C-alpha atoms as a PDB file:
ATOM      1  CA  MET A   1      -5.324  16.915  -5.087  1.00  0.00           C
ATOM      2  CA  ALA A   2      -3.482  14.014  -3.486  1.00  0.00           C
ATOM      3  CA  GLU A   3       0.048  13.325  -4.702  1.00  0.00           C
ATOM      4  CA  THR A   4      -0.628   9.597  -4.970  1.00  0.00           C
ATOM      5  CA  THR A   5      -3.865   8.048  -6.225  1.00  0.00           C
ATOM      6  CA  VAL A   6      -5.181   4.505  -6.575  1.00  0.00           C
ATOM      7  CA  ASP A   7      -5.791   3.166 -10.086  1.00  0.00           C
ATOM      8  CA  VAL A   8      -9.179   1.719  -9.235  1.00  0.00           C
ATOM      9  CA  ARG A   9      -9.717   0.318 -12.751  1.00  0.00           C
ATOM     10  CA  ALA A  10      -6.437  -1.637 -12.681  1.00  0.00           C
ATOM     11  CA  LEU A  11      -7.189  -2.927  -9.167  1.00  0.00           C
ATOM     12  CA  TYR A  12     -10.718  -3.947 -10.135  1.00  0.00           C
ATOM     13  CA  ASP A  13      -9.498  -5.689 -13.288  1.00  0.00           C
ATOM     14  CA  ALA A  14      -6.839  -7.606 -11.326  1.00  0.00           C
ATOM     15  CA  VAL A  15      -9.379  -8.701  -8.713  1.00  0.00           C
ATOM     16  CA  ASP A  16     -11.857  -9.679 -11.430  1.00  0.00           C
ATOM     17  CA  GLY A  17      -9.219 -11.691 -13.300  1.00  0.00           C
ATOM     18  CA  LYS A  18      -8.208 -13.670 -10.222  1.00  0.00           C
ATOM     19  CA  ARG A  19     -11.851 -14.074  -9.177  1.00  0.00           C
ATOM     20  CA  GLN A  20     -12.719 -15.562 -12.563  1.00  0.00           C
ATOM     21  CA  SER A  21      -9.699 -17.873 -12.512  1.00  0.00           C
ATOM     22  CA  LYS A  22     -10.872 -19.208  -9.133  1.00  0.00           C
ATOM     23  CA  GLU A  23     -14.435 -19.475 -10.490  1.00  0.00           C
ATOM     24  CA  LEU A  24     -15.868 -17.372  -7.670  1.00  0.00           C
ATOM     25  CA  SER A  25     -18.896 -15.124  -7.803  1.00  0.00           C
ATOM     26  CA  TRP A  26     -18.493 -11.575  -6.495  1.00  0.00           C
ATOM     27  CA  ARG A  27     -20.603 -12.522  -3.475  1.00  0.00           C
ATOM     28  CA  GLU A  28     -18.454 -15.583  -2.758  1.00  0.00           C
ATOM     29  CA  LEU A  29     -15.298 -13.508  -3.003  1.00  0.00           C
ATOM     30  CA  ALA A  30     -16.729 -10.881  -0.682  1.00  0.00           C
ATOM     31  CA  GLY A  31     -17.546 -13.607   1.840  1.00  0.00           C
ATOM     32  CA  GLU A  32     -14.074 -15.117   1.573  1.00  0.00           C
ATOM     33  CA  LEU A  33     -12.450 -11.721   2.134  1.00  0.00           C
ATOM     34  CA  GLN A  34     -15.015 -10.623   4.723  1.00  0.00           C
ATOM     35  CA  ILE A  35     -15.855  -7.389   2.909  1.00  0.00           C
ATOM     36  CA  ALA A  36     -19.183  -5.990   1.699  1.00  0.00           C
ATOM     37  CA  PRO A  37     -20.211  -7.235  -1.774  1.00  0.00           C
ATOM     38  CA  SER A  38     -21.198  -3.656  -2.648  1.00  0.00           C
ATOM     39  CA  THR A  39     -17.480  -2.794  -2.513  1.00  0.00           C
ATOM     40  CA  PHE A  40     -17.045  -4.390  -5.917  1.00  0.00           C
ATOM     41  CA  THR A  41     -20.003  -2.510  -7.376  1.00  0.00           C
ATOM     42  CA  ARG A  42     -18.523   0.775  -6.159  1.00  0.00           C
ATOM     43  CA  MET A  43     -15.108  -0.139  -7.571  1.00  0.00           C
ATOM     44  CA  ALA A  44     -16.709  -0.974 -10.926  1.00  0.00           C
ATOM     45  CA  GLN A  45     -18.084   2.575 -10.851  1.00  0.00           C
ATOM     46  CA  GLY A  46     -14.581   3.954 -10.249  1.00  0.00           C
ATOM     47  CA  ARG A  47     -14.889   4.610  -6.525  1.00  0.00           C
ATOM     48  CA  ARG A  48     -11.904   3.802  -4.324  1.00  0.00           C
ATOM     49  CA  PRO A  49     -12.125   1.180  -1.615  1.00  0.00           C
ATOM     50  CA  ASP A  50     -11.292   2.200   1.956  1.00  0.00           C
ATOM     51  CA  VAL A  51      -7.729   1.608   3.122  1.00  0.00           C
ATOM     52  CA  ASP A  52      -8.514  -1.635   5.002  1.00  0.00           C
ATOM     53  CA  THR A  53     -10.306  -3.088   1.987  1.00  0.00           C
ATOM     54  CA  PHE A  54      -7.466  -1.947  -0.286  1.00  0.00           C
ATOM     55  CA  ALA A  55      -4.978  -3.782   1.944  1.00  0.00           C
ATOM     56  CA  THR A  56      -7.187  -6.898   2.011  1.00  0.00           C
ATOM     57  CA  LEU A  57      -7.447  -6.929  -1.776  1.00  0.00           C
ATOM     58  CA  LEU A  58      -3.693  -6.456  -2.167  1.00  0.00           C
ATOM     59  CA  ARG A  59      -3.009  -9.354   0.207  1.00  0.00           C
ATOM     60  CA  TRP A  60      -5.462 -11.590  -1.691  1.00  0.00           C
ATOM     61  CA  LEU A  61      -3.878 -10.654  -5.010  1.00  0.00           C
ATOM     62  CA  GLY A  62      -0.362 -11.124  -3.618  1.00  0.00           C
ATOM     63  CA  GLU A  63       0.576  -7.692  -4.938  1.00  0.00           C
ATOM     64  CA  THR A  64       2.021  -4.480  -3.523  1.00  0.00           C
ATOM     65  CA  ALA A  65       0.310  -1.105  -3.508  1.00  0.00           C
ATOM     66  CA  ASP A  66       2.900   0.220  -5.970  1.00  0.00           C
ATOM     67  CA  LYS A  67       1.301  -1.768  -8.756  1.00  0.00           C
ATOM     68  CA  PHE A  68      -2.016   0.044  -8.322  1.00  0.00           C
ATOM     69  CA  THR A  69      -0.959   3.566  -7.372  1.00  0.00           C
ATOM     70  CA  HIS A  70       0.225   6.503  -9.411  1.00  0.00           C
ATOM     71  CA  SER A  71       2.290   9.344  -8.027  1.00  0.00           C
ATOM     72  CA  GLU A  72       2.619  12.847  -9.356  1.00  0.00           C
ATOM     73  CA  ARG A  73       6.263  12.631  -8.367  1.00  0.00           C
ATOM     74  CA  LYS A  74       8.497  11.370 -11.126  1.00  0.00           C
ATOM     75  CA  LYS A  75      10.556   8.957  -9.042  1.00  0.00           C
ATOM     76  CA  ILE A  76      10.448   7.485  -5.564  1.00  0.00           C
ATOM     77  CA  ARG A  77      13.961   8.798  -5.057  1.00  0.00           C
ATOM     78  CA  ASP A  78      12.323  12.239  -4.684  1.00  0.00           C
ATOM     79  CA  ALA A  79      10.938  11.009  -1.358  1.00  0.00           C
ATOM     80  CA  GLU A  80      12.677  12.122   1.816  1.00  0.00           C
ATOM     81  CA  PRO A  81      15.148   9.334   2.730  1.00  0.00           C
ATOM     82  CA  MET A  82      14.441   9.509   6.460  1.00  0.00           C
ATOM     83  CA  ALA A  83      10.691   9.181   5.830  1.00  0.00           C
ATOM     84  CA  MET A  84      11.323   6.068   3.778  1.00  0.00           C
ATOM     85  CA  ILE A  85      13.672   4.580   6.398  1.00  0.00           C
ATOM     86  CA  SER A  86      11.257   5.370   9.261  1.00  0.00           C
ATOM     87  CA  SER A  87       8.366   3.823   7.399  1.00  0.00           C
ATOM     88  CA  TYR A  88      10.354   0.669   6.687  1.00  0.00           C
ATOM     89  CA  LEU A  89      11.507   0.334  10.293  1.00  0.00           C
ATOM     90  CA  ARG A  90       7.987   0.778  11.654  1.00  0.00           C
ATOM     91  CA  SER A  91       6.573  -1.822   9.254  1.00  0.00           C
ATOM     92  CA  ALA A  92       9.275  -4.447   9.841  1.00  0.00           C
ATOM     93  CA  LYS A  93       7.708  -7.381  11.657  1.00  0.00           C
ATOM     94  CA  ASN A  94      10.948  -8.422  13.338  1.00  0.00           C
ATOM     95  CA  VAL A  95      11.564  -4.967  14.876  1.00  0.00           C
ATOM     96  CA  SER A  96       9.635  -3.880  17.981  1.00  0.00           C
ATOM     97  CA  PRO A  97       8.255  -0.316  18.157  1.00  0.00           C
ATOM     98  CA  GLY A  98      10.896   0.567  20.751  1.00  0.00           C
ATOM     99  CA  GLU A  99      13.700  -0.856  18.646  1.00  0.00           C
ATOM    100  CA  ALA A 100      12.395   0.997  15.589  1.00  0.00           C
ATOM    101  CA  ALA A 101      12.381   4.291  17.521  1.00  0.00           C
ATOM    102  CA  ALA A 102      15.925   3.715  18.787  1.00  0.00           C
ATOM    103  CA  LEU A 103      17.204   2.813  15.329  1.00  0.00           C
ATOM    104  CA  GLU A 104      15.433   5.837  13.883  1.00  0.00           C
ATOM    105  CA  GLN A 105      17.220   8.160  16.326  1.00  0.00           C
ATOM    106  CA  ILE A 106      20.603   6.624  15.534  1.00  0.00           C
ATOM    107  CA  ILE A 107      20.066   6.821  11.783  1.00  0.00           C
ATOM    108  CA  GLN A 108      18.723  10.392  11.990  1.00  0.00           C
ATOM    109  CA  ALA A 109      21.813  11.504  13.934  1.00  0.00           C
ATOM    110  CA  ALA A 110      24.135   9.868  11.398  1.00  0.00           C
ATOM    111  CA  TYR A 111      22.131  11.315   8.500  1.00  0.00           C
ATOM    112  CA  ARG A 112      22.249  14.853   9.919  1.00  0.00           C
ATOM    113  CA  HIS A 113      25.995  14.478  10.475  1.00  0.00           C
ATOM    114  CA  LEU A 114      26.607  13.301   6.909  1.00  0.00           C
ATOM    115  CA  LYS A 115      24.361  16.001   5.410  1.00  0.00           C
ATOM    116  CA  GLY A 116      26.305  18.613   7.366  1.00  0.00           C
ATOM    117  CA  LYS A 117      29.550  17.491   5.739  1.00  0.00           C
ATOM    118  CA  LYS A 118      28.362  18.307   2.212  1.00  0.00           C
END
């Protein structure tokens, strides 16, 4: 089983709440977001949206994935620090892929050096 899962019910409820506040039908919302209307039917049945649709819904809600995911790990601090740093660097809009790779190498070298001192 995956370590992290999407809380489809919470996501669906959040989308439904915002949809109702904007007085949109499901079909109108699907058109606005350029996704298939059947996505909402599947979500109502507990089925997860695909990753692109998940990202679209998060953007529309103005929320982060953390709000709608559950991890079997107790705390995010259990995550490997370099994986977190690499992910952040790659997703930063003001850092080019080449710059991210260079920064990653520098940080990895420093991290290995500091870990070796303990």
